[in-house]
Amino acid sequence: MIYTIILIAYLVFINILAFILFGVDKKHAVRHKRRIPESALLWMARLGGGIGSWIAMFVFHHKKKHTKFMVLVPLWITLWTIGIVLFIALGNGNLQEELEIVRSRFNRF
């Protein structure tokens, strides 16, 4: 159970970070400031921040014309999704049950 909670916390963190980095890069692009390297933005998706990257691409209208972003970001989302499903299925983890445990612990406060 703890591994699933850690994984969820990590994914939330990395997706928020990816979203912020895309926003910062867009802001720097508009202001002609030093940019965040494209490789760093793609690494955010590769490290699990694909959903945050994808949302940021459309919210900030940023990197949508770049084929590598339009292909690689969804690819990493797909691969991470498959990995998570396998993690839950093979790890005998019941995500619904584990989320209920987490909710019950937070409801105590």
Protein backbone atom coordinates (compact mmCIF):
# COMPACT_ATOMS: atom_id res chain seq x y z
CA MET A 1 0.00 0.00 0.00
CA ILE A 2 2.71 2.47 0.89
CA TYR A 3 4.33 2.11 -2.51
CA THR A 4 1.12 3.07 -4.25
CA ILE A 5 0.76 6.15 -2.06
CA ILE A 6 4.37 7.13 -2.74
CA LEU A 7 3.82 6.62 -6.48
CA ILE A 8 0.69 8.77 -6.47
CA ALA A 9 2.44 11.53 -4.50
CA TYR A 10 5.42 11.39 -6.88
CA LEU A 11 3.19 11.61 -9.96
CA VAL A 12 1.24 14.54 -8.55
CA PHE A 13 4.49 16.35 -7.76
CA ILE A 14 6.19 15.67 -11.11
CA ASN A 15 3.09 16.68 -13.09
CA ILE A 16 2.73 19.96 -11.19
CA LEU A 17 6.44 20.61 -11.74
CA ALA A 18 6.15 19.85 -15.47
CA PHE A 19 3.16 22.18 -15.78
CA ILE A 20 5.05 24.98 -14.03
CA LEU A 21 8.18 24.48 -16.16
CA PHE A 22 6.18 24.69 -19.39
CA GLY A 23 4.56 27.88 -18.11
CA VAL A 24 7.90 29.40 -17.16
CA ASP A 25 9.38 28.47 -20.53
CA LYS A 26 6.45 30.08 -22.34
CA LYS A 27 6.83 33.23 -20.25
CA HIS A 28 10.54 33.35 -21.02
CA ALA A 29 9.85 32.79 -24.72
CA VAL A 30 7.49 35.76 -24.83
CA ARG A 31 9.97 37.97 -22.97
CA HIS A 32 12.98 36.78 -25.01
CA LYS A 33 14.74 35.52 -21.89
CA ARG A 34 16.86 32.43 -21.39
CA ARG A 35 14.73 29.35 -22.09
CA ILE A 36 14.39 25.97 -20.47
CA PRO A 37 15.98 23.41 -22.82
CA GLU A 38 13.53 21.29 -24.80
CA SER A 39 15.31 18.19 -23.54
CA ALA A 40 14.48 19.18 -19.95
CA LEU A 41 10.81 19.64 -20.84
CA LEU A 42 10.73 16.26 -22.56
CA TRP A 43 12.46 14.66 -19.57
CA MET A 44 9.61 15.89 -17.37
CA ALA A 45 7.21 13.78 -19.45
CA ARG A 46 9.63 10.86 -19.45
CA LEU A 47 9.89 10.98 -15.65
CA GLY A 48 6.12 10.75 -15.26
CA GLY A 49 5.00 14.33 -15.81
CA GLY A 50 3.35 13.67 -19.15
CA ILE A 51 -0.14 14.70 -18.12
CA GLY A 52 1.08 17.97 -16.63
CA SER A 53 3.16 18.58 -19.76
CA TRP A 54 0.25 17.81 -22.07
CA ILE A 55 -2.15 20.06 -20.20
CA ALA A 56 0.43 22.86 -20.11
CA MET A 57 1.01 22.57 -23.86
CA PHE A 58 -2.62 23.46 -24.45
CA VAL A 59 -3.14 25.90 -21.58
CA PHE A 60 -0.07 27.95 -22.54
CA HIS A 61 -0.27 27.21 -26.30
CA HIS A 62 3.33 26.11 -26.05
CA LYS A 63 5.27 23.52 -28.07
CA LYS A 64 2.13 22.32 -29.89
CA LYS A 65 3.73 22.90 -33.30
CA HIS A 66 6.73 20.73 -32.43
CA THR A 67 6.22 17.21 -33.73
CA LYS A 68 8.51 15.66 -31.13
CA PHE A 69 6.39 17.09 -28.31
CA MET A 70 3.12 16.08 -29.95
CA VAL A 71 4.42 12.52 -30.34
CA LEU A 72 6.68 11.93 -27.33
CA VAL A 73 4.53 13.44 -24.58
CA PRO A 74 1.50 11.20 -25.39
CA LEU A 75 3.88 8.28 -25.82
CA TRP A 76 5.26 8.75 -22.30
CA ILE A 77 1.73 9.17 -20.91
CA THR A 78 0.80 5.85 -22.51
CA LEU A 79 3.91 4.07 -21.25
CA TRP A 80 3.45 5.40 -17.71
CA THR A 81 -0.21 4.37 -17.76
CA ILE A 82 0.72 0.84 -18.81
CA GLY A 83 3.41 0.75 -16.12
CA ILE A 84 1.01 1.89 -13.41
CA VAL A 85 -1.62 -0.65 -14.43
CA LEU A 86 1.00 -3.41 -14.36
CA PHE A 87 2.32 -2.16 -11.01
CA ILE A 88 -1.15 -2.37 -9.49
CA ALA A 89 -2.06 -5.67 -11.18
CA LEU A 90 1.19 -7.48 -10.48
CA GLY A 91 1.76 -5.94 -7.10
CA ASN A 92 -1.53 -7.33 -5.82
CA GLY A 93 -2.47 -3.75 -5.09
CA ASN A 94 -6.11 -2.84 -5.07
CA LEU A 95 -6.03 0.87 -5.82
CA GLN A 96 -9.65 1.45 -4.80
CA GLU A 97 -9.05 -0.23 -1.45
CA GLU A 98 -5.84 1.70 -0.87
CA LEU A 99 -7.48 5.03 -1.69
CA GLU A 100 -10.24 4.24 0.81
CA ILE A 101 -7.60 3.66 3.50
CA VAL A 102 -5.97 6.99 2.70
CA ARG A 103 -9.35 8.79 2.75
CA SER A 104 -10.25 7.25 6.10
CA ARG A 105 -6.98 8.44 7.58
CA PHE A 106 -7.50 11.99 6.31
CA ASN A 107 -11.10 12.02 7.55
CA ARG A 108 -9.83 11.71 11.11
CA PHE A 109 -8.62 15.32 11.06
